[in-house]
N, C-alpha and C. Protein backbone atom coordinates (compact mmCIF):
# COMPACT_ATOMS: atom_id res chain seq x y z
N MET A 1 61.80 102.95 105.52
CA MET A 1 62.27 104.25 105.93
C MET A 1 63.79 104.22 106.10
N ASP A 2 64.45 105.22 105.55
CA ASP A 2 65.92 105.33 105.62
C ASP A 2 66.32 105.94 106.96
N THR A 3 67.22 105.29 107.65
CA THR A 3 67.69 105.82 108.93
C THR A 3 69.20 105.98 108.89
N ASP A 4 69.70 106.78 109.82
CA ASP A 4 71.14 106.97 109.92
C ASP A 4 71.86 105.66 110.21
N ALA A 5 71.18 104.74 110.87
CA ALA A 5 71.78 103.44 111.19
C ALA A 5 72.07 102.64 109.93
N GLU A 6 71.37 102.93 108.85
CA GLU A 6 71.57 102.20 107.60
C GLU A 6 72.72 102.77 106.77
N PHE A 7 73.21 103.93 107.17
CA PHE A 7 74.29 104.58 106.43
C PHE A 7 75.50 104.73 107.33
N ASP A 8 76.58 104.08 106.94
CA ASP A 8 77.83 104.18 107.69
C ASP A 8 78.83 104.92 106.84
N ILE A 9 79.15 106.14 107.24
CA ILE A 9 80.06 106.96 106.44
C ILE A 9 81.40 106.27 106.23
N ARG A 10 81.80 105.40 107.15
CA ARG A 10 83.07 104.70 107.04
C ARG A 10 83.08 103.71 105.87
N GLU A 11 81.92 103.46 105.29
CA GLU A 11 81.81 102.58 104.13
C GLU A 11 81.48 103.37 102.85
N PHE A 12 81.34 104.67 102.96
CA PHE A 12 80.99 105.55 101.84
C PHE A 12 82.25 105.77 100.99
N ILE A 13 82.21 105.39 99.72
CA ILE A 13 83.39 105.41 98.86
C ILE A 13 84.07 106.78 98.80
N PRO A 14 83.35 107.89 98.62
CA PRO A 14 84.06 109.18 98.61
C PRO A 14 84.80 109.45 99.93
N TYR A 15 84.21 109.05 101.03
CA TYR A 15 84.87 109.21 102.33
C TYR A 15 86.13 108.35 102.40
N LEU A 16 86.01 107.10 101.99
CA LEU A 16 87.17 106.20 102.01
C LEU A 16 88.28 106.71 101.10
N LEU A 17 87.91 107.18 99.92
CA LEU A 17 88.92 107.72 98.99
C LEU A 17 89.61 108.94 99.59
N ASN A 18 88.82 109.82 100.21
CA ASN A 18 89.40 111.00 100.83
C ASN A 18 90.34 110.62 101.96
N GLN A 19 89.91 109.71 102.81
CA GLN A 19 90.75 109.27 103.93
C GLN A 19 92.05 108.65 103.42
N ALA A 20 91.92 107.77 102.44
CA ALA A 20 93.10 107.11 101.88
C ALA A 20 94.02 108.13 101.20
N GLY A 21 93.42 109.07 100.47
CA GLY A 21 94.20 110.09 99.79
C GLY A 21 94.96 110.97 100.76
N GLU A 22 94.28 111.43 101.79
CA GLU A 22 94.93 112.28 102.78
C GLU A 22 96.04 111.54 103.51
N GLU A 23 95.72 110.34 103.96
CA GLU A 23 96.70 109.56 104.72
C GLU A 23 97.92 109.22 103.86
N SER A 24 97.67 108.80 102.63
CA SER A 24 98.78 108.38 101.78
C SER A 24 99.61 109.56 101.27
N SER A 25 99.02 110.74 101.21
CA SER A 25 99.78 111.87 100.69
C SER A 25 100.58 112.62 101.76
N LEU A 26 100.26 112.42 103.03
CA LEU A 26 100.95 113.16 104.09
C LEU A 26 102.45 112.89 104.15
N ALA A 27 102.85 111.64 104.07
CA ALA A 27 104.28 111.32 104.14
C ALA A 27 105.01 111.86 102.91
N PHE A 28 104.40 111.75 101.74
CA PHE A 28 105.04 112.29 100.54
C PHE A 28 105.09 113.81 100.60
N GLN A 29 104.07 114.42 101.17
CA GLN A 29 104.05 115.87 101.33
C GLN A 29 105.25 116.33 102.15
N ARG A 30 105.61 115.59 103.19
CA ARG A 30 106.76 115.95 104.00
C ARG A 30 108.04 115.95 103.16
N ILE A 31 108.12 115.03 102.21
CA ILE A 31 109.32 114.94 101.36
C ILE A 31 109.47 116.21 100.52
N TYR A 32 108.44 116.56 99.74
CA TYR A 32 108.61 117.73 98.86
C TYR A 32 108.61 119.04 99.64
N LYS A 33 107.94 119.06 100.78
CA LYS A 33 107.95 120.28 101.59
C LYS A 33 109.30 120.48 102.27
N ASN A 34 109.83 119.41 102.85
CA ASN A 34 111.12 119.52 103.54
C ASN A 34 112.29 119.76 102.58
N ARG A 35 112.27 119.10 101.45
CA ARG A 35 113.39 119.26 100.51
C ARG A 35 113.34 120.57 99.75
N TYR A 36 112.14 121.01 99.34
CA TYR A 36 112.04 122.14 98.43
C TYR A 36 111.07 123.24 98.87
N GLY A 37 110.48 123.10 100.05
CA GLY A 37 109.55 124.12 100.53
C GLY A 37 108.32 124.26 99.68
N MET A 38 107.93 123.19 99.02
CA MET A 38 106.79 123.23 98.11
C MET A 38 105.49 122.88 98.82
N LEU A 39 104.41 123.41 98.29
CA LEU A 39 103.07 123.03 98.72
C LEU A 39 102.50 122.05 97.69
N ARG A 40 101.37 121.44 98.01
CA ARG A 40 100.77 120.42 97.15
C ARG A 40 100.55 120.91 95.73
N ALA A 41 100.03 122.11 95.58
CA ALA A 41 99.75 122.63 94.24
C ALA A 41 101.04 122.78 93.42
N GLU A 42 102.12 123.17 94.09
CA GLU A 42 103.39 123.34 93.38
C GLU A 42 103.93 122.01 92.87
N TRP A 43 103.89 120.97 93.71
CA TRP A 43 104.44 119.70 93.22
C TRP A 43 103.56 119.13 92.12
N ARG A 44 102.27 119.40 92.17
CA ARG A 44 101.40 118.90 91.10
C ARG A 44 101.70 119.61 89.79
N VAL A 45 101.94 120.91 89.85
CA VAL A 45 102.34 121.65 88.64
C VAL A 45 103.68 121.12 88.16
N LEU A 46 104.63 120.95 89.08
CA LEU A 46 105.96 120.44 88.73
C LEU A 46 105.86 119.09 88.01
N PHE A 47 105.05 118.18 88.55
CA PHE A 47 104.95 116.85 87.95
C PHE A 47 104.27 116.89 86.58
N HIS A 48 103.27 117.74 86.41
CA HIS A 48 102.65 117.84 85.10
C HIS A 48 103.64 118.38 84.07
N LEU A 49 104.39 119.39 84.45
CA LEU A 49 105.39 119.93 83.52
C LEU A 49 106.53 118.94 83.30
N GLY A 50 106.88 118.18 84.32
CA GLY A 50 107.91 117.17 84.17
C GLY A 50 107.51 116.09 83.20
N VAL A 51 106.26 115.71 83.23
CA VAL A 51 105.76 114.65 82.35
C VAL A 51 105.44 115.19 80.95
N TYR A 52 104.72 116.31 80.88
CA TYR A 52 104.21 116.81 79.59
C TYR A 52 105.06 117.92 78.97
N LYS A 53 106.09 118.37 79.69
CA LYS A 53 107.09 119.34 79.21
C LYS A 53 106.58 120.77 79.12
N CYS A 54 105.72 121.07 78.21
CA CYS A 54 105.28 122.45 77.98
C CYS A 54 103.76 122.49 77.98
N MET A 55 103.20 123.26 78.91
CA MET A 55 101.75 123.31 79.06
C MET A 55 101.32 124.72 79.47
N THR A 56 100.04 124.98 79.35
CA THR A 56 99.48 126.21 79.90
C THR A 56 98.95 125.90 81.30
N ALA A 57 98.76 126.94 82.09
CA ALA A 57 98.19 126.77 83.43
C ALA A 57 96.78 126.18 83.32
N LYS A 58 96.05 126.59 82.30
CA LYS A 58 94.69 126.08 82.09
C LYS A 58 94.72 124.57 81.85
N ASP A 59 95.67 124.11 81.04
CA ASP A 59 95.81 122.67 80.77
C ASP A 59 96.12 121.90 82.05
N ILE A 60 97.03 122.46 82.85
CA ILE A 60 97.39 121.80 84.10
C ILE A 60 96.18 121.74 85.02
N GLY A 61 95.46 122.83 85.13
CA GLY A 61 94.27 122.86 85.97
C GLY A 61 93.25 121.82 85.56
N PHE A 62 93.06 121.67 84.26
CA PHE A 62 92.11 120.68 83.75
C PHE A 62 92.57 119.26 84.09
N MET A 63 93.83 118.97 83.82
CA MET A 63 94.35 117.62 84.04
C MET A 63 94.48 117.27 85.52
N ALA A 64 94.88 118.25 86.34
CA ALA A 64 95.09 118.01 87.76
C ALA A 64 93.82 118.24 88.58
N LYS A 65 92.78 118.72 87.92
CA LYS A 65 91.52 119.03 88.60
C LYS A 65 91.74 120.02 89.74
N MET A 66 92.46 121.11 89.40
CA MET A 66 92.77 122.15 90.39
C MET A 66 92.20 123.48 89.92
N HIS A 67 91.79 124.30 90.88
CA HIS A 67 91.24 125.62 90.57
C HIS A 67 92.35 126.54 90.04
N LYS A 68 91.96 127.42 89.13
CA LYS A 68 92.94 128.28 88.46
C LYS A 68 93.70 129.19 89.43
N THR A 69 93.08 129.60 90.54
CA THR A 69 93.82 130.46 91.47
C THR A 69 94.94 129.69 92.17
N LYS A 70 94.71 128.42 92.47
CA LYS A 70 95.76 127.60 93.08
C LYS A 70 96.90 127.40 92.10
N ILE A 71 96.55 127.16 90.85
CA ILE A 71 97.57 126.99 89.81
C ILE A 71 98.37 128.28 89.67
N SER A 72 97.68 129.40 89.61
CA SER A 72 98.33 130.70 89.42
C SER A 72 99.32 130.98 90.55
N ARG A 73 98.91 130.73 91.79
CA ARG A 73 99.81 130.95 92.93
C ARG A 73 101.01 130.01 92.87
N ALA A 74 100.74 128.76 92.53
CA ALA A 74 101.83 127.77 92.44
C ALA A 74 102.82 128.16 91.35
N VAL A 75 102.32 128.58 90.21
CA VAL A 75 103.19 128.99 89.10
C VAL A 75 104.04 130.19 89.51
N GLN A 76 103.44 131.15 90.18
CA GLN A 76 104.17 132.33 90.63
C GLN A 76 105.30 131.93 91.59
N LYS A 77 105.01 131.09 92.57
CA LYS A 77 106.03 130.66 93.53
C LYS A 77 107.13 129.86 92.85
N MET A 78 106.75 129.01 91.91
CA MET A 78 107.74 128.20 91.21
C MET A 78 108.63 129.07 90.33
N GLN A 79 108.06 130.10 89.75
CA GLN A 79 108.87 131.02 88.94
C GLN A 79 109.85 131.77 89.85
N GLU A 80 109.37 132.20 91.02
CA GLU A 80 110.24 132.90 91.97
C GLU A 80 111.40 132.01 92.43
N LYS A 81 111.17 130.71 92.54
CA LYS A 81 112.21 129.77 92.95
C LYS A 81 113.12 129.37 91.79
N GLY A 82 112.77 129.80 90.60
CA GLY A 82 113.57 129.48 89.42
C GLY A 82 113.30 128.10 88.85
N TYR A 83 112.11 127.54 89.12
CA TYR A 83 111.77 126.19 88.66
C TYR A 83 111.10 126.16 87.30
N LEU A 84 110.53 127.28 86.87
CA LEU A 84 109.85 127.27 85.57
C LEU A 84 109.96 128.62 84.89
N THR A 85 109.70 128.58 83.59
CA THR A 85 109.65 129.81 82.79
C THR A 85 108.24 129.96 82.25
N ARG A 86 107.89 131.21 81.98
CA ARG A 86 106.59 131.54 81.40
C ARG A 86 106.85 132.31 80.12
N VAL A 87 106.29 131.81 79.03
CA VAL A 87 106.47 132.48 77.75
C VAL A 87 105.09 132.76 77.16
N GLN A 88 104.86 134.02 76.82
CA GLN A 88 103.58 134.41 76.26
C GLN A 88 103.41 133.84 74.85
N ASP A 89 102.24 133.34 74.58
CA ASP A 89 101.93 132.77 73.27
C ASP A 89 101.93 133.89 72.22
N ASN A 90 102.54 133.62 71.07
CA ASN A 90 102.64 134.63 70.01
C ASN A 90 101.29 134.95 69.39
N LEU A 91 100.40 133.97 69.32
CA LEU A 91 99.11 134.18 68.68
C LEU A 91 98.02 134.64 69.64
N ASP A 92 98.11 134.23 70.87
CA ASP A 92 97.10 134.57 71.87
C ASP A 92 97.80 135.13 73.10
N ARG A 93 97.82 136.44 73.25
CA ARG A 93 98.56 137.11 74.33
C ARG A 93 98.02 136.77 75.72
N ARG A 94 96.82 136.20 75.81
CA ARG A 94 96.26 135.81 77.11
C ARG A 94 96.84 134.49 77.61
N LYS A 95 97.48 133.76 76.73
CA LYS A 95 97.99 132.43 77.05
C LYS A 95 99.49 132.48 77.30
N GLU A 96 99.91 131.73 78.35
CA GLU A 96 101.33 131.59 78.66
C GLU A 96 101.70 130.11 78.65
N TRP A 97 102.84 129.82 78.06
CA TRP A 97 103.36 128.45 78.04
C TRP A 97 104.35 128.31 79.19
N LEU A 98 104.17 127.27 79.95
CA LEU A 98 105.02 127.00 81.11
C LEU A 98 105.94 125.85 80.81
N GLU A 99 107.18 125.98 81.28
CA GLU A 99 108.17 124.93 81.05
C GLU A 99 109.15 124.93 82.21
N LEU A 100 109.62 123.75 82.60
CA LEU A 100 110.60 123.67 83.68
C LEU A 100 111.95 124.18 83.22
N THR A 101 112.64 124.85 84.13
CA THR A 101 114.02 125.27 83.89
C THR A 101 114.93 124.08 84.20
N VAL A 102 116.21 124.25 84.00
CA VAL A 102 117.18 123.21 84.36
C VAL A 102 117.04 122.88 85.85
N LYS A 103 116.92 123.92 86.67
CA LYS A 103 116.75 123.73 88.12
C LYS A 103 115.44 122.98 88.41
N GLY A 104 114.38 123.36 87.74
CA GLY A 104 113.08 122.70 87.91
C GLY A 104 113.12 121.24 87.48
N LYS A 105 113.83 120.97 86.40
CA LYS A 105 113.97 119.58 85.93
C LYS A 105 114.74 118.73 86.94
N ALA A 106 115.73 119.32 87.59
CA ALA A 106 116.49 118.59 88.61
C ALA A 106 115.61 118.28 89.82
N VAL A 107 114.79 119.24 90.22
CA VAL A 107 113.86 119.02 91.33
C VAL A 107 112.86 117.94 90.94
N TYR A 108 112.33 118.02 89.73
CA TYR A 108 111.39 117.00 89.24
C TYR A 108 112.03 115.61 89.25
N THR A 109 113.25 115.50 88.75
CA THR A 109 113.93 114.21 88.71
C THR A 109 114.09 113.63 90.12
N ASP A 110 114.49 114.48 91.06
CA ASP A 110 114.66 114.04 92.44
C ASP A 110 113.32 113.59 93.03
N LEU A 111 112.29 114.40 92.87
CA LEU A 111 110.99 114.06 93.46
C LEU A 111 110.30 112.91 92.73
N ARG A 112 110.58 112.76 91.45
CA ARG A 112 110.02 111.61 90.72
C ARG A 112 110.57 110.31 91.31
N GLN A 113 111.86 110.29 91.60
CA GLN A 113 112.46 109.10 92.21
C GLN A 113 111.88 108.87 93.60
N ALA A 114 111.73 109.94 94.37
CA ALA A 114 111.13 109.82 95.71
C ALA A 114 109.69 109.31 95.60
N ALA A 115 108.96 109.76 94.59
CA ALA A 115 107.57 109.32 94.39
C ALA A 115 107.52 107.83 94.04
N LYS A 116 108.43 107.39 93.19
CA LYS A 116 108.49 105.96 92.84
C LYS A 116 108.75 105.11 94.08
N GLU A 117 109.70 105.56 94.88
CA GLU A 117 110.03 104.82 96.10
C GLU A 117 108.86 104.82 97.08
N TYR A 118 108.20 105.96 97.22
CA TYR A 118 107.06 106.06 98.12
C TYR A 118 105.89 105.22 97.63
N ASP A 119 105.66 105.21 96.34
CA ASP A 119 104.59 104.39 95.76
C ASP A 119 104.84 102.91 96.07
N ALA A 120 106.09 102.49 95.98
CA ALA A 120 106.44 101.10 96.29
C ALA A 120 106.16 100.79 97.76
N VAL A 121 106.43 101.74 98.64
CA VAL A 121 106.16 101.54 100.07
C VAL A 121 104.65 101.42 100.31
N LEU A 122 103.86 102.24 99.63
CA LEU A 122 102.41 102.22 99.81
C LEU A 122 101.80 100.87 99.46
N VAL A 123 102.32 100.23 98.44
CA VAL A 123 101.73 98.96 98.00
C VAL A 123 102.52 97.74 98.47
N ALA A 124 103.54 97.96 99.28
CA ALA A 124 104.40 96.85 99.72
C ALA A 124 103.62 95.77 100.46
N HIS A 125 102.58 96.14 101.17
CA HIS A 125 101.80 95.15 101.92
C HIS A 125 100.71 94.49 101.08
N LEU A 126 100.62 94.88 99.82
CA LEU A 126 99.64 94.29 98.90
C LEU A 126 100.34 93.31 97.97
N SER A 127 99.59 92.35 97.49
CA SER A 127 100.14 91.47 96.46
C SER A 127 100.25 92.28 95.17
N ALA A 128 101.01 91.79 94.23
CA ALA A 128 101.15 92.48 92.94
C ALA A 128 99.79 92.60 92.25
N VAL A 129 98.99 91.56 92.37
CA VAL A 129 97.65 91.57 91.76
C VAL A 129 96.77 92.62 92.43
N ASP A 130 96.78 92.67 93.77
CA ASP A 130 95.97 93.66 94.48
C ASP A 130 96.43 95.08 94.17
N ALA A 131 97.73 95.31 94.11
CA ALA A 131 98.25 96.64 93.80
C ALA A 131 97.80 97.07 92.40
N SER A 132 97.89 96.17 91.45
CA SER A 132 97.47 96.45 90.08
C SER A 132 95.96 96.70 90.02
N THR A 133 95.20 95.90 90.75
CA THR A 133 93.75 96.05 90.79
C THR A 133 93.36 97.38 91.42
N LEU A 134 94.02 97.75 92.51
CA LEU A 134 93.74 99.02 93.17
C LEU A 134 93.96 100.18 92.21
N LYS A 135 95.08 100.20 91.53
CA LYS A 135 95.38 101.29 90.60
C LYS A 135 94.38 101.31 89.44
N ARG A 136 94.06 100.13 88.93
CA ARG A 136 93.10 100.06 87.82
C ARG A 136 91.73 100.58 88.25
N LEU A 137 91.27 100.18 89.44
CA LEU A 137 89.95 100.62 89.91
C LEU A 137 89.93 102.11 90.22
N LEU A 138 91.00 102.64 90.76
CA LEU A 138 91.06 104.09 91.01
C LEU A 138 90.99 104.86 89.70
N LYS A 139 91.64 104.35 88.67
CA LYS A 139 91.58 104.99 87.35
C LYS A 139 90.16 104.92 86.80
N VAL A 140 89.49 103.81 86.98
CA VAL A 140 88.10 103.67 86.53
C VAL A 140 87.22 104.70 87.25
N LEU A 141 87.36 104.81 88.55
CA LEU A 141 86.57 105.79 89.31
C LEU A 141 86.89 107.21 88.87
N THR A 142 88.14 107.50 88.57
CA THR A 142 88.52 108.84 88.11
C THR A 142 87.84 109.16 86.79
N LEU A 143 87.83 108.21 85.87
CA LEU A 143 87.20 108.43 84.58
C LEU A 143 85.69 108.52 84.68
N LYS A 144 85.10 107.77 85.59
CA LYS A 144 83.63 107.79 85.75
C LYS A 144 83.15 109.10 86.33
N THR A 145 83.97 109.77 87.12
CA THR A 145 83.53 111.00 87.77
C THR A 145 84.01 112.25 87.04
N ALA A 146 84.75 112.05 85.97
CA ALA A 146 85.30 113.22 85.24
C ALA A 146 84.20 113.93 84.46
């Protein structure tokens, strides 16, 4: 018979991943929020456009695993701040191509450096092998649940 005593949520992988994700993202969240007044969805859109250059909101939503309404709000706020442009597709009027402006690219460059530094802090207490293993295993879990 299965009892609650046999299940410890503190050992449940989704719980551990959520706890680690929340804890590790809070300090970085303060950086992008304090510097640029951004919310999580906005920096995720910013980073996808920074890496992939020109994308649709649908593409970003798929890659970032974010709901389209969050993407839409983030895109609107980023456009208001002058961080991105929206260009309607010539062949499909329902589609818009998003791209960072010069101002958006500068914000991306600044936050990319901050992210690199923060990533180094997160793994500083791990050996190089453990840090590499952690990243590899997280990628495996991401692909398995996609």
